[in-house]
């Protein structure tokens, strides 16, 4: 069994920063990719930032230059550093991991962490 947990959400004023963390636990797995999504009220879930095992980083246009995704493959953790936050960044943030386990690829989601940015 693989579990994914996000931490670090909270409330912040516009212009502030937050750092989200994603921890993956379980046994005998390898993380191939770790991505961050967010879902604002009344909107669909959208990809915010993505990282592959070999270090490729991709960002949505709305967060490019403000957010930084990082991973620690040895610790099976990852972070999303969010800077210069705006009210439009408000939403529930989810960590999604692409796992290789026992020869199979699977996708796992965390329960999400709430980020609220006030103006």
PDB file of N, CA and C in Angstrom:
ATOM      1  N   UNK A   1       0.845  -1.192   0.000  1.00  0.00           N
ATOM      2  CA  UNK A   1       0.000   0.000   0.000  1.00  0.00           C
ATOM      3  C   UNK A   1       0.877   1.238   0.000  1.00  0.00           C
ATOM      4  N   UNK A   2       0.506   2.223  -0.774  1.00  0.00           N
ATOM      5  CA  UNK A   2       1.217   3.497  -0.846  1.00  0.00           C
ATOM      6  C   UNK A   2       0.288   4.596  -0.357  1.00  0.00           C
ATOM      7  N   UNK A   3       0.817   5.460   0.476  1.00  0.00           N
ATOM      8  CA  UNK A   3       0.031   6.586   0.974  1.00  0.00           C
ATOM      9  C   UNK A   3       0.711   7.897   0.639  1.00  0.00           C
ATOM     10  N   UNK A   4      -0.114   8.871   0.326  1.00  0.00           N
ATOM     11  CA  UNK A   4       0.372  10.202  -0.030  1.00  0.00           C
ATOM     12  C   UNK A   4      -0.288  11.215   0.899  1.00  0.00           C
ATOM     13  N   UNK A   5       0.499  12.075   1.481  1.00  0.00           N
ATOM     14  CA  UNK A   5      -0.044  13.081   2.398  1.00  0.00           C
ATOM     15  C   UNK A   5       0.575  14.431   2.089  1.00  0.00           C
ATOM     16  N   UNK A   6      -0.281  15.444   1.964  1.00  0.00           N
ATOM     17  CA  UNK A   6       0.188  16.815   1.777  1.00  0.00           C
ATOM     18  C   UNK A   6       0.100  17.562   3.101  1.00  0.00           C
ATOM     19  N   UNK A   7       1.036  18.440   3.321  1.00  0.00           N
ATOM     20  CA  UNK A   7       1.016  19.322   4.488  1.00  0.00           C
ATOM     21  C   UNK A   7       1.464  20.711   4.071  1.00  0.00           C
ATOM     22  N   UNK A   8       1.189  21.682   4.931  1.00  0.00           N
ATOM     23  CA  UNK A   8       1.717  23.016   4.703  1.00  0.00           C
ATOM     24  C   UNK A   8       0.714  24.036   4.216  1.00  0.00           C
ATOM     25  N   UNK A   9      -0.534  23.634   4.018  1.00  0.00           N
ATOM     26  CA  UNK A   9      -1.524  24.615   3.587  1.00  0.00           C
ATOM     27  C   UNK A   9      -1.842  25.598   4.697  1.00  0.00           C
ATOM     28  N   UNK A  10      -2.608  26.615   4.364  1.00  0.00           N
ATOM     29  CA  UNK A  10      -2.988  27.605   5.349  1.00  0.00           C
ATOM     30  C   UNK A  10      -3.527  28.848   4.686  1.00  0.00           C
ATOM     31  N   UNK A  11      -3.622  29.900   5.489  1.00  0.00           N
ATOM     32  CA  UNK A  11      -4.127  31.172   5.001  1.00  0.00           C
ATOM     33  C   UNK A  11      -3.002  32.186   4.971  1.00  0.00           C
ATOM     34  N   UNK A  12      -2.988  32.975   3.931  1.00  0.00           N
ATOM     35  CA  UNK A  12      -1.931  33.971   3.777  1.00  0.00           C
ATOM     36  C   UNK A  12      -2.492  35.154   3.011  1.00  0.00           C
ATOM     37  N   UNK A  13      -1.872  36.307   3.191  1.00  0.00           N
ATOM     38  CA  UNK A  13      -2.296  37.482   2.446  1.00  0.00           C
ATOM     39  C   UNK A  13      -1.622  37.509   1.082  1.00  0.00           C
ATOM     40  N   UNK A  14      -2.257  38.190   0.168  1.00  0.00           N
ATOM     41  CA  UNK A  14      -1.695  38.334  -1.180  1.00  0.00           C
ATOM     42  C   UNK A  14      -0.271  38.885  -1.091  1.00  0.00           C
ATOM     43  N   UNK A  15       0.589  38.292  -1.889  1.00  0.00           N
ATOM     44  CA  UNK A  15       1.996  38.672  -1.871  1.00  0.00           C
ATOM     45  C   UNK A  15       2.845  37.791  -0.984  1.00  0.00           C
ATOM     46  N   UNK A  16       2.190  37.002  -0.157  1.00  0.00           N
ATOM     47  CA  UNK A  16       2.907  36.133   0.764  1.00  0.00           C
ATOM     48  C   UNK A  16       3.338  34.832   0.125  1.00  0.00           C
ATOM     49  N   UNK A  17       3.899  33.961   0.945  1.00  0.00           N
ATOM     50  CA  UNK A  17       4.431  32.685   0.477  1.00  0.00           C
ATOM     51  C   UNK A  17       3.942  31.551   1.365  1.00  0.00           C
ATOM     52  N   UNK A  18       3.865  30.394   0.770  1.00  0.00           N
ATOM     53  CA  UNK A  18       3.584  29.160   1.499  1.00  0.00           C
ATOM     54  C   UNK A  18       4.424  28.054   0.885  1.00  0.00           C
ATOM     55  N   UNK A  19       4.725  27.071   1.697  1.00  0.00           N
ATOM     56  CA  UNK A  19       5.470  25.916   1.216  1.00  0.00           C
ATOM     57  C   UNK A  19       4.662  24.662   1.530  1.00  0.00           C
ATOM     58  N   UNK A  20       4.287  23.952   0.484  1.00  0.00           N
ATOM     59  CA  UNK A  20       3.560  22.695   0.647  1.00  0.00           C
ATOM     60  C   UNK A  20       4.541  21.535   0.559  1.00  0.00           C
ATOM     61  N   UNK A  21       4.257  20.505   1.293  1.00  0.00           N
ATOM     62  CA  UNK A  21       5.088  19.307   1.248  1.00  0.00           C
ATOM     63  C   UNK A  21       4.226  18.093   0.933  1.00  0.00           C
ATOM     64  N   UNK A  22       4.842  17.138   0.272  1.00  0.00           N
ATOM     65  CA  UNK A  22       4.179  15.886  -0.073  1.00  0.00           C
ATOM     66  C   UNK A  22       5.068  14.748   0.404  1.00  0.00           C
ATOM     67  N   UNK A  23       4.503  13.853   1.199  1.00  0.00           N
ATOM     68  CA  UNK A  23       5.256  12.705   1.690  1.00  0.00           C
ATOM     69  C   UNK A  23       4.586  11.425   1.202  1.00  0.00           C
ATOM     70  N   UNK A  24       5.394  10.550   0.654  1.00  0.00           N
ATOM     71  CA  UNK A  24       4.906   9.281   0.131  1.00  0.00           C
ATOM     72  C   UNK A  24       5.469   8.148   0.981  1.00  0.00           C
ATOM     73  N   UNK A  25       4.597   7.293   1.474  1.00  0.00           N
ATOM     74  CA  UNK A  25       5.047   6.189   2.319  1.00  0.00           C
ATOM     75  C   UNK A  25       4.517   4.870   1.784  1.00  0.00           C
ATOM     76  N   UNK A  26       5.160   3.815   2.214  1.00  0.00           N
ATOM     77  CA  UNK A  26       4.781   2.481   1.770  1.00  0.00           C
ATOM     78  C   UNK A  26       6.026   1.640   1.641  1.00  0.00           C
ATOM     79  N   UNK A  27       5.918   0.579   0.906  1.00  0.00           N
ATOM     80  CA  UNK A  27       7.073  -0.290   0.757  1.00  0.00           C
ATOM     81  C   UNK A  27       7.292  -0.655  -0.704  1.00  0.00           C
ATOM     82  N   UNK A  28       8.558  -0.768  -1.055  1.00  0.00           N
ATOM     83  CA  UNK A  28       8.980  -1.290  -2.340  1.00  0.00           C
ATOM     84  C   UNK A  28       8.328  -0.556  -3.509  1.00  0.00           C
ATOM     85  N   UNK A  29       8.568   0.729  -3.577  1.00  0.00           N
ATOM     86  CA  UNK A  29       8.050   1.496  -4.692  1.00  0.00           C
ATOM     87  C   UNK A  29       9.100   2.490  -5.161  1.00  0.00           C
ATOM     88  N   UNK A  30       8.901   2.980  -6.347  1.00  0.00           N
ATOM     89  CA  UNK A  30       9.764   4.006  -6.920  1.00  0.00           C
ATOM     90  C   UNK A  30       8.874   5.094  -7.510  1.00  0.00           C
ATOM     91  N   UNK A  31       9.140   6.318  -7.116  1.00  0.00           N
ATOM     92  CA  UNK A  31       8.356   7.437  -7.638  1.00  0.00           C
ATOM     93  C   UNK A  31       8.911   7.831  -8.999  1.00  0.00           C
ATOM     94  N   UNK A  32       8.065   7.772  -9.996  1.00  0.00           N
ATOM     95  CA  UNK A  32       8.478   8.165 -11.345  1.00  0.00           C
ATOM     96  C   UNK A  32       8.197   9.630 -11.620  1.00  0.00           C
ATOM     97  N   UNK A  33       7.121  10.120 -11.058  1.00  0.00           N
ATOM     98  CA  UNK A  33       6.764  11.522 -11.257  1.00  0.00           C
ATOM     99  C   UNK A  33       5.972  12.002 -10.045  1.00  0.00           C
ATOM    100  N   UNK A  34       6.115  13.273  -9.760  1.00  0.00           N
ATOM    101  CA  UNK A  34       5.361  13.885  -8.674  1.00  0.00           C
ATOM    102  C   UNK A  34       4.826  15.205  -9.188  1.00  0.00           C
ATOM    103  N   UNK A  35       3.532  15.374  -9.093  1.00  0.00           N
ATOM    104  CA  UNK A  35       2.886  16.564  -9.626  1.00  0.00           C
ATOM    105  C   UNK A  35       2.023  17.215  -8.549  1.00  0.00           C
ATOM    106  N   UNK A  36       1.788  18.481  -8.753  1.00  0.00           N
ATOM    107  CA  UNK A  36       0.875  19.225  -7.879  1.00  0.00           C
ATOM    108  C   UNK A  36      -0.284  19.747  -8.713  1.00  0.00           C
ATOM    109  N   UNK A  37      -1.479  19.534  -8.197  1.00  0.00           N
ATOM    110  CA  UNK A  37      -2.697  20.032  -8.813  1.00  0.00           C
ATOM    111  C   UNK A  37      -3.402  20.928  -7.800  1.00  0.00           C
ATOM    112  N   UNK A  38      -4.300  21.721  -8.298  1.00  0.00           N
ATOM    113  CA  UNK A  38      -5.157  22.489  -7.394  1.00  0.00           C
ATOM    114  C   UNK A  38      -6.567  22.536  -7.971  1.00  0.00           C
ATOM    115  N   UNK A  39      -7.484  22.717  -7.048  1.00  0.00           N
ATOM    116  CA  UNK A  39      -8.886  22.826  -7.443  1.00  0.00           C
ATOM    117  C   UNK A  39      -9.520  23.967  -6.675  1.00  0.00           C
ATOM    118  N   UNK A  40      -9.936  24.971  -7.404  1.00  0.00           N
ATOM    119  CA  UNK A  40     -10.618  26.114  -6.799  1.00  0.00           C
ATOM    120  C   UNK A  40     -12.109  25.788  -6.718  1.00  0.00           C
ATOM    121  N   UNK A  41     -12.823  26.433  -5.819  1.00  0.00           N
ATOM    122  CA  UNK A  41     -14.260  26.175  -5.691  1.00  0.00           C
ATOM    123  C   UNK A  41     -14.985  26.398  -7.015  1.00  0.00           C
ATOM    124  N   UNK A  42     -15.762  25.410  -7.417  1.00  0.00           N
ATOM    125  CA  UNK A  42     -16.543  25.528  -8.636  1.00  0.00           C
ATOM    126  C   UNK A  42     -15.762  25.325  -9.919  1.00  0.00           C
ATOM    127  N   UNK A  43     -14.492  24.964  -9.783  1.00  0.00           N
ATOM    128  CA  UNK A  43     -13.659  24.780 -10.978  1.00  0.00           C
ATOM    129  C   UNK A  43     -13.098  23.364 -11.021  1.00  0.00           C
ATOM    130  N   UNK A  44     -12.605  22.993 -12.186  1.00  0.00           N
ATOM    131  CA  UNK A  44     -11.995  21.685 -12.338  1.00  0.00           C
ATOM    132  C   UNK A  44     -10.581  21.686 -11.765  1.00  0.00           C
ATOM    133  N   UNK A  45     -10.147  20.493 -11.421  1.00  0.00           N
ATOM    134  CA  UNK A  45      -8.784  20.340 -10.930  1.00  0.00           C
ATOM    135  C   UNK A  45      -7.811  20.616 -12.082  1.00  0.00           C
ATOM    136  N   UNK A  46      -6.765  21.385 -11.786  1.00  0.00           N
ATOM    137  CA  UNK A  46      -5.809  21.740 -12.828  1.00  0.00           C
ATOM    138  C   UNK A  46      -4.384  21.448 -12.371  1.00  0.00           C
ATOM    139  N   UNK A  47      -3.550  21.118 -13.344  1.00  0.00           N
ATOM    140  CA  UNK A  47      -2.143  20.869 -13.057  1.00  0.00           C
ATOM    141  C   UNK A  47      -1.431  22.189 -12.806  1.00  0.00           C
ATOM    142  N   UNK A  48      -0.684  22.247 -11.726  1.00  0.00           N
ATOM    143  CA  UNK A  48       0.052  23.452 -11.361  1.00  0.00           C
ATOM    144  C   UNK A  48       1.539  23.288 -11.684  1.00  0.00           C
ATOM    145  N   UNK A  49       2.091  22.163 -11.257  1.00  0.00           N
ATOM    146  CA  UNK A  49       3.515  21.916 -11.475  1.00  0.00           C
ATOM    147  C   UNK A  49       3.757  20.423 -11.520  1.00  0.00           C
ATOM    148  N   UNK A  50       4.738  20.037 -12.340  1.00  0.00           N
ATOM    149  CA  UNK A  50       5.032  18.625 -12.497  1.00  0.00           C
ATOM    150  C   UNK A  50       6.535  18.409 -12.505  1.00  0.00           C
ATOM    151  N   UNK A  51       6.949  17.254 -11.995  1.00  0.00           N
ATOM    152  CA  UNK A  51       8.374  16.914 -12.016  1.00  0.00           C
ATOM    153  C   UNK A  51       8.534  15.436 -12.323  1.00  0.00           C
ATOM    154  N   UNK A  52       9.503  15.133 -13.150  1.00  0.00           N
ATOM    155  CA  UNK A  52       9.791  13.743 -13.476  1.00  0.00           C
ATOM    156  C   UNK A  52      11.016  13.280 -12.696  1.00  0.00           C
ATOM    157  N   UNK A  53      11.247  11.979 -12.710  1.00  0.00           N
ATOM    158  CA  UNK A  53      12.347  11.421 -11.935  1.00  0.00           C
ATOM    159  C   UNK A  53      13.690  11.973 -12.383  1.00  0.00           C
ATOM    160  N   UNK A  54      13.797  12.260 -13.690  1.00  0.00           N
ATOM    161  CA  UNK A  54      15.082  12.738 -14.206  1.00  0.00           C
ATOM    162  C   UNK A  54      15.209  14.250 -14.170  1.00  0.00           C
ATOM    163  N   UNK A  55      14.328  14.909 -13.437  1.00  0.00           N
ATOM    164  CA  UNK A  55      14.547  16.323 -13.161  1.00  0.00           C
ATOM    165  C   UNK A  55      13.832  17.308 -14.048  1.00  0.00           C
ATOM    166  N   UNK A  56      12.982  16.870 -14.923  1.00  0.00           N
ATOM    167  CA  UNK A  56      12.240  17.808 -15.764  1.00  0.00           C
ATOM    168  C   UNK A  56      11.149  18.471 -14.925  1.00  0.00           C
ATOM    169  N   UNK A  57      11.079  19.789 -15.034  1.00  0.00           N
ATOM    170  CA  UNK A  57      10.071  20.561 -14.299  1.00  0.00           C
ATOM    171  C   UNK A  57       9.183  21.296 -15.284  1.00  0.00           C
ATOM    172  N   UNK A  58       7.881  21.248 -15.022  1.00  0.00           N
ATOM    173  CA  UNK A  58       6.914  21.930 -15.884  1.00  0.00           C
ATOM    174  C   UNK A  58       5.952  22.707 -14.995  1.00  0.00           C
ATOM    175  N   UNK A  59       5.619  23.906 -15.420  1.00  0.00           N
ATOM    176  CA  UNK A  59       4.710  24.751 -14.648  1.00  0.00           C
ATOM    177  C   UNK A  59       3.583  25.268 -15.531  1.00  0.00           C
ATOM    178  N   UNK A  60       2.429  25.467 -14.923  1.00  0.00           N
ATOM    179  CA  UNK A  60       1.352  26.113 -15.654  1.00  0.00           C
ATOM    180  C   UNK A  60       1.720  27.580 -15.840  1.00  0.00           C
ATOM    181  N   UNK A  61       1.153  28.189 -16.857  1.00  0.00           N
ATOM    182  CA  UNK A  61       1.464  29.597 -17.120  1.00  0.00           C
ATOM    183  C   UNK A  61       1.076  30.484 -15.943  1.00  0.00           C
ATOM    184  N   UNK A  62       0.045  30.105 -15.220  1.00  0.00           N
ATOM    185  CA  UNK A  62      -0.450  30.955 -14.136  1.00  0.00           C
ATOM    186  C   UNK A  62       0.500  31.013 -12.941  1.00  0.00           C
ATOM    187  N   UNK A  63       1.397  30.034 -12.818  1.00  0.00           N
ATOM    188  CA  UNK A  63       2.293  30.014 -11.652  1.00  0.00           C
ATOM    189  C   UNK A  63       3.763  30.113 -12.046  1.00  0.00           C
ATOM    190  N   UNK A  64       4.039  30.096 -13.325  1.00  0.00           N
ATOM    191  CA  UNK A  64       5.424  30.121 -13.783  1.00  0.00           C
ATOM    192  C   UNK A  64       6.122  31.366 -13.265  1.00  0.00           C
ATOM    193  N   UNK A  65       7.301  31.174 -12.705  1.00  0.00           N
ATOM    194  CA  UNK A  65       8.053  32.291 -12.157  1.00  0.00           C
ATOM    195  C   UNK A  65       7.732  32.590 -10.699  1.00  0.00           C
ATOM    196  N   UNK A  66       6.681  31.968 -10.189  1.00  0.00           N
ATOM    197  CA  UNK A  66       6.304  32.203  -8.786  1.00  0.00           C
ATOM    198  C   UNK A  66       6.409  30.930  -7.945  1.00  0.00           C
ATOM    199  N   UNK A  67       6.114  29.790  -8.545  1.00  0.00           N
ATOM    200  CA  UNK A  67       6.126  28.521  -7.818  1.00  0.00           C
ATOM    201  C   UNK A  67       7.357  27.723  -8.213  1.00  0.00           C
ATOM    202  N   UNK A  68       7.855  26.946  -7.266  1.00  0.00           N
ATOM    203  CA  UNK A  68       8.998  26.072  -7.527  1.00  0.00           C
ATOM    204  C   UNK A  68       8.694  24.683  -6.974  1.00  0.00           C
ATOM    205  N   UNK A  69       8.808  23.678  -7.835  1.00  0.00           N
ATOM    206  CA  UNK A  69       8.596  22.305  -7.411  1.00  0.00           C
ATOM    207  C   UNK A  69       9.950  21.654  -7.190  1.00  0.00           C
ATOM    208  N   UNK A  70      10.023  20.894  -6.124  1.00  0.00           N
ATOM    209  CA  UNK A  70      11.279  20.219  -5.802  1.00  0.00           C
ATOM    210  C   UNK A  70      10.974  18.823  -5.266  1.00  0.00           C
ATOM    211  N   UNK A  71      11.949  17.945  -5.410  1.00  0.00           N
ATOM    212  CA  UNK A  71      11.772  16.579  -4.923  1.00  0.00           C
ATOM    213  C   UNK A  71      13.033  16.092  -4.242  1.00  0.00           C
ATOM    214  N   UNK A  72      12.836  15.204  -3.292  1.00  0.00           N
ATOM    215  CA  UNK A  72      13.944  14.488  -2.668  1.00  0.00           C
ATOM    216  C   UNK A  72      13.662  13.008  -2.891  1.00  0.00           C
ATOM    217  N   UNK A  73      14.264  12.457  -3.918  1.00  0.00           N
ATOM    218  CA  UNK A  73      13.973  11.068  -4.279  1.00  0.00           C
ATOM    219  C   UNK A  73      14.386  10.086  -3.187  1.00  0.00           C
ATOM    220  N   UNK A  74      15.422  10.425  -2.464  1.00  0.00           N
ATOM    221  CA  UNK A  74      15.890   9.524  -1.406  1.00  0.00           C
ATOM    222  C   UNK A  74      14.898   9.449  -0.253  1.00  0.00           C
ATOM    223  N   UNK A  75      14.213  10.537   0.002  1.00  0.00           N
ATOM    224  CA  UNK A  75      13.268  10.589   1.133  1.00  0.00           C
ATOM    225  C   UNK A  75      11.822  10.393   0.689  1.00  0.00           C
ATOM    226  N   UNK A  76      11.604  10.274  -0.617  1.00  0.00           N
ATOM    227  CA  UNK A  76      10.237  10.135  -1.151  1.00  0.00           C
ATOM    228  C   UNK A  76       9.356  11.305  -0.724  1.00  0.00           C
ATOM    229  N   UNK A  77       9.895  12.477  -0.809  1.00  0.00           N
ATOM    230  CA  UNK A  77       9.147  13.682  -0.478  1.00  0.00           C
ATOM    231  C   UNK A  77       9.287  14.713  -1.582  1.00  0.00           C
ATOM    232  N   UNK A  78       8.417  15.692  -1.538  1.00  0.00           N
ATOM    233  CA  UNK A  78       8.504  16.774  -2.497  1.00  0.00           C
ATOM    234  C   UNK A  78       7.902  18.027  -1.894  1.00  0.00           C
ATOM    235  N   UNK A  79       8.263  19.152  -2.461  1.00  0.00           N
ATOM    236  CA  UNK A  79       7.772  20.435  -1.983  1.00  0.00           C
ATOM    237  C   UNK A  79       7.249  21.269  -3.136  1.00  0.00           C
ATOM    238  N   UNK A  80       6.351  22.155  -2.798  1.00  0.00           N
ATOM    239  CA  UNK A  80       5.922  23.182  -3.743  1.00  0.00           C
ATOM    240  C   UNK A  80       6.057  24.520  -3.015  1.00  0.00           C
ATOM    241  N   UNK A  81       7.061  25.269  -3.399  1.00  0.00           N
ATOM    242  CA  UNK A  81       7.260  26.596  -2.825  1.00  0.00           C
ATOM    243  C   UNK A  81       6.437  27.580  -3.632  1.00  0.00           C
ATOM    244  N   UNK A  82       5.540  28.281  -2.959  1.00  0.00           N
ATOM    245  CA  UNK A  82       4.622  29.188  -3.634  1.00  0.00           C
ATOM    246  C   UNK A  82       4.915  30.611  -3.166  1.00  0.00           C
ATOM    247  N   UNK A  83       5.312  31.453  -4.086  1.00  0.00           N
ATOM    248  CA  UNK A  83       5.666  32.838  -3.770  1.00  0.00           C
ATOM    249  C   UNK A  83       4.730  33.801  -4.475  1.00  0.00           C
ATOM    250  N   UNK A  84       4.703  35.014  -3.956  1.00  0.00           N
ATOM    251  CA  UNK A  84       3.872  36.087  -4.544  1.00  0.00           C
ATOM    252  C   UNK A  84       2.460  35.575  -4.813  1.00  0.00           C
ATOM    253  N   UNK A  85       1.874  35.025  -3.793  1.00  0.00           N
ATOM    254  CA  UNK A  85       0.549  34.431  -3.925  1.00  0.00           C
ATOM    255  C   UNK A  85      -0.510  35.490  -4.183  1.00  0.00           C
ATOM    256  N   UNK A  86      -1.518  35.112  -4.943  1.00  0.00           N
ATOM    257  CA  UNK A  86      -2.647  35.975  -5.242  1.00  0.00           C
ATOM    258  C   UNK A  86      -3.936  35.246  -4.848  1.00  0.00           C
ATOM    259  N   UNK A  87      -5.034  35.970  -4.709  1.00  0.00           N
ATOM    260  CA  UNK A  87      -6.307  35.297  -4.374  1.00  0.00           C
ATOM    261  C   UNK A  87      -6.685  34.213  -5.384  1.00  0.00           C
ATOM    262  N   UNK A  88      -6.223  34.352  -6.611  1.00  0.00           N
ATOM    263  CA  UNK A  88      -6.518  33.336  -7.635  1.00  0.00           C
ATOM    264  C   UNK A  88      -5.802  32.016  -7.367  1.00  0.00           C
ATOM    265  N   UNK A  89      -4.863  32.014  -6.471  1.00  0.00           N
ATOM    266  CA  UNK A  89      -4.178  30.777  -6.099  1.00  0.00           C
ATOM    267  C   UNK A  89      -4.937  29.988  -5.032  1.00  0.00           C
ATOM    268  N   UNK A  90      -6.012  30.555  -4.544  1.00  0.00           N
ATOM    269  CA  UNK A  90      -6.814  29.872  -3.529  1.00  0.00           C
ATOM    270  C   UNK A  90      -7.396  28.572  -4.064  1.00  0.00           C
ATOM    271  N   UNK A  91      -7.340  27.543  -3.246  1.00  0.00           N
ATOM    272  CA  UNK A  91      -7.902  26.265  -3.643  1.00  0.00           C
ATOM    273  C   UNK A  91      -7.349  25.140  -2.797  1.00  0.00           C
ATOM    274  N   UNK A  92      -7.790  23.941  -3.120  1.00  0.00           N
ATOM    275  CA  UNK A  92      -7.245  22.763  -2.480  1.00  0.00           C
ATOM    276  C   UNK A  92      -6.124  22.223  -3.362  1.00  0.00           C
ATOM    277  N   UNK A  93      -4.978  22.012  -2.771  1.00  0.00           N
ATOM    278  CA  UNK A  93      -3.811  21.550  -3.507  1.00  0.00           C
ATOM    279  C   UNK A  93      -3.592  20.072  -3.240  1.00  0.00           C
ATOM    280  N   UNK A  94      -3.378  19.342  -4.322  1.00  0.00           N
ATOM    281  CA  UNK A  94      -3.220  17.901  -4.246  1.00  0.00           C
ATOM    282  C   UNK A  94      -1.869  17.475  -4.814  1.00  0.00           C
ATOM    283  N   UNK A  95      -1.269  16.531  -4.150  1.00  0.00           N
ATOM    284  CA  UNK A  95      -0.061  15.891  -4.654  1.00  0.00           C
ATOM    285  C   UNK A  95      -0.464  14.596  -5.359  1.00  0.00           C
ATOM    286  N   UNK A  96       0.044  14.411  -6.545  1.00  0.00           N
ATOM    287  CA  UNK A  96      -0.209  13.184  -7.289  1.00  0.00           C
ATOM    288  C   UNK A  96       1.130  12.550  -7.645  1.00  0.00           C
ATOM    289  N   UNK A  97       1.258  11.278  -7.372  1.00  0.00           N
ATOM    290  CA  UNK A  97       2.510  10.597  -7.679  1.00  0.00           C
ATOM    291  C   UNK A  97       2.254   9.427  -8.624  1.00  0.00           C
ATOM    292  N   UNK A  98       3.181   9.265  -9.530  1.00  0.00           N
ATOM    293  CA  UNK A  98       3.180   8.149 -10.471  1.00  0.00           C
ATOM    294  C   UNK A  98       4.194   7.137  -9.932  1.00  0.00           C
ATOM    295  N   UNK A  99       3.702   5.975  -9.532  1.00  0.00           N
ATOM    296  CA  UNK A  99       4.514   5.006  -8.804  1.00  0.00           C
ATOM    297  C   UNK A  99       4.779   3.766  -9.652  1.00  0.00           C
ATOM    298  N   UNK A 100       5.997   3.269  -9.558  1.00  0.00           N
ATOM    299  CA  UNK A 100       6.320   1.951 -10.103  1.00  0.00           C
ATOM    300  C   UNK A 100       6.478   0.998  -8.921  1.00  0.00           C
ATOM    301  N   UNK A 101       5.630  -0.022  -8.895  1.00  0.00           N
ATOM    302  CA  UNK A 101       5.638  -0.957  -7.759  1.00  0.00           C
ATOM    303  C   UNK A 101       5.304  -2.343  -8.268  1.00  0.00           C
ATOM    304  N   UNK A 102       6.188  -3.262  -7.987  1.00  0.00           N
ATOM    305  CA  UNK A 102       6.028  -4.646  -8.444  1.00  0.00           C
ATOM    306  C   UNK A 102       5.795  -4.702  -9.955  1.00  0.00           C
ATOM    307  N   UNK A 103       6.501  -3.876 -10.679  1.00  0.00           N
ATOM    308  CA  UNK A 103       6.420  -3.879 -12.131  1.00  0.00           C
ATOM    309  C   UNK A 103       5.216  -3.161 -12.711  1.00  0.00           C
ATOM    310  N   UNK A 104       4.418  -2.548 -11.883  1.00  0.00           N
ATOM    311  CA  UNK A 104       3.214  -1.865 -12.368  1.00  0.00           C
ATOM    312  C   UNK A 104       3.285  -0.377 -12.058  1.00  0.00           C
ATOM    313  N   UNK A 105       2.740   0.410 -12.978  1.00  0.00           N
ATOM    314  CA  UNK A 105       2.646   1.849 -12.772  1.00  0.00           C
ATOM    315  C   UNK A 105       1.254   2.168 -12.232  1.00  0.00           C
ATOM    316  N   UNK A 106       1.212   2.983 -11.205  1.00  0.00           N
ATOM    317  CA  UNK A 106      -0.060   3.394 -10.619  1.00  0.00           C
ATOM    318  C   UNK A 106       0.036   4.852 -10.214  1.00  0.00           C
ATOM    319  N   UNK A 107      -1.119   5.475 -10.112  1.00  0.00           N
ATOM    320  CA  UNK A 107      -1.194   6.874  -9.714  1.00  0.00           C
ATOM    321  C   UNK A 107      -1.895   6.966  -8.371  1.00  0.00           C
ATOM    322  N   UNK A 108      -1.322   7.761  -7.481  1.00  0.00           N
ATOM    323  CA  UNK A 108      -1.892   7.938  -6.152  1.00  0.00           C
ATOM    324  C   UNK A 108      -2.071   9.425  -5.859  1.00  0.00           C
ATOM    325  N   UNK A 109      -3.171   9.722  -5.182  1.00  0.00           N
ATOM    326  CA  UNK A 109      -3.472  11.099  -4.793  1.00  0.00           C
ATOM    327  C   UNK A 109      -3.446  11.236  -3.274  1.00  0.00           C
ATOM    328  N   UNK A 110      -3.018  12.389  -2.827  1.00  0.00           N
ATOM    329  CA  UNK A 110      -3.176  12.721  -1.430  1.00  0.00           C
ATOM    330  C   UNK A 110      -4.565  13.298  -1.202  1.00  0.00           C
ATOM    331  N   UNK A 111      -4.941  13.491   0.063  1.00  0.00           N
ATOM    332  CA  UNK A 111      -6.275  14.018   0.379  1.00  0.00           C
ATOM    333  C   UNK A 111      -6.411  15.515   0.105  1.00  0.00           C
ATOM    334  N   UNK A 112      -5.296  16.198  -0.084  1.00  0.00           N
ATOM    335  CA  UNK A 112      -5.338  17.627  -0.379  1.00  0.00           C
ATOM    336  C   UNK A 112      -5.083  18.485   0.846  1.00  0.00           C
ATOM    337  N   UNK A 113      -4.619  19.683   0.587  1.00  0.00           N
ATOM    338  CA  UNK A 113      -4.411  20.668   1.647  1.00  0.00           C
ATOM    339  C   UNK A 113      -4.918  22.016   1.150  1.00  0.00           C
ATOM    340  N   UNK A 114      -5.608  22.729   2.021  1.00  0.00           N
ATOM    341  CA  UNK A 114      -6.275  23.963   1.625  1.00  0.00           C
ATOM    342  C   UNK A 114      -5.311  25.148   1.679  1.00  0.00           C
ATOM    343  N   UNK A 115      -5.360  25.946   0.629  1.00  0.00           N
ATOM    344  CA  UNK A 115      -4.609  27.208   0.568  1.00  0.00           C
ATOM    345  C   UNK A 115      -5.612  28.334   0.327  1.00  0.00           C
ATOM    346  N   UNK A 116      -5.582  29.306   1.193  1.00  0.00           N
ATOM    347  CA  UNK A 116      -6.476  30.453   1.058  1.00  0.00           C
ATOM    348  C   UNK A 116      -5.643  31.725   1.043  1.00  0.00           C
ATOM    349  N   UNK A 117      -5.809  32.507  -0.009  1.00  0.00           N
ATOM    350  CA  UNK A 117      -5.068  33.759  -0.155  1.00  0.00           C
ATOM    351  C   UNK A 117      -6.068  34.903  -0.141  1.00  0.00           C
ATOM    352  N   UNK A 118      -5.902  35.790   0.804  1.00  0.00           N
ATOM    353  CA  UNK A 118      -6.809  36.922   0.921  1.00  0.00           C
ATOM    354  C   UNK A 118      -6.170  38.170   0.328  1.00  0.00           C
ATOM    355  N   UNK A 119      -7.021  39.046  -0.142  1.00  0.00           N
ATOM    356  CA  UNK A 119      -6.505  40.277  -0.775  1.00  0.00           C
ATOM    357  C   UNK A 119      -6.263  41.369   0.245  1.00  0.00           C
TER     358      UNK A 119
END
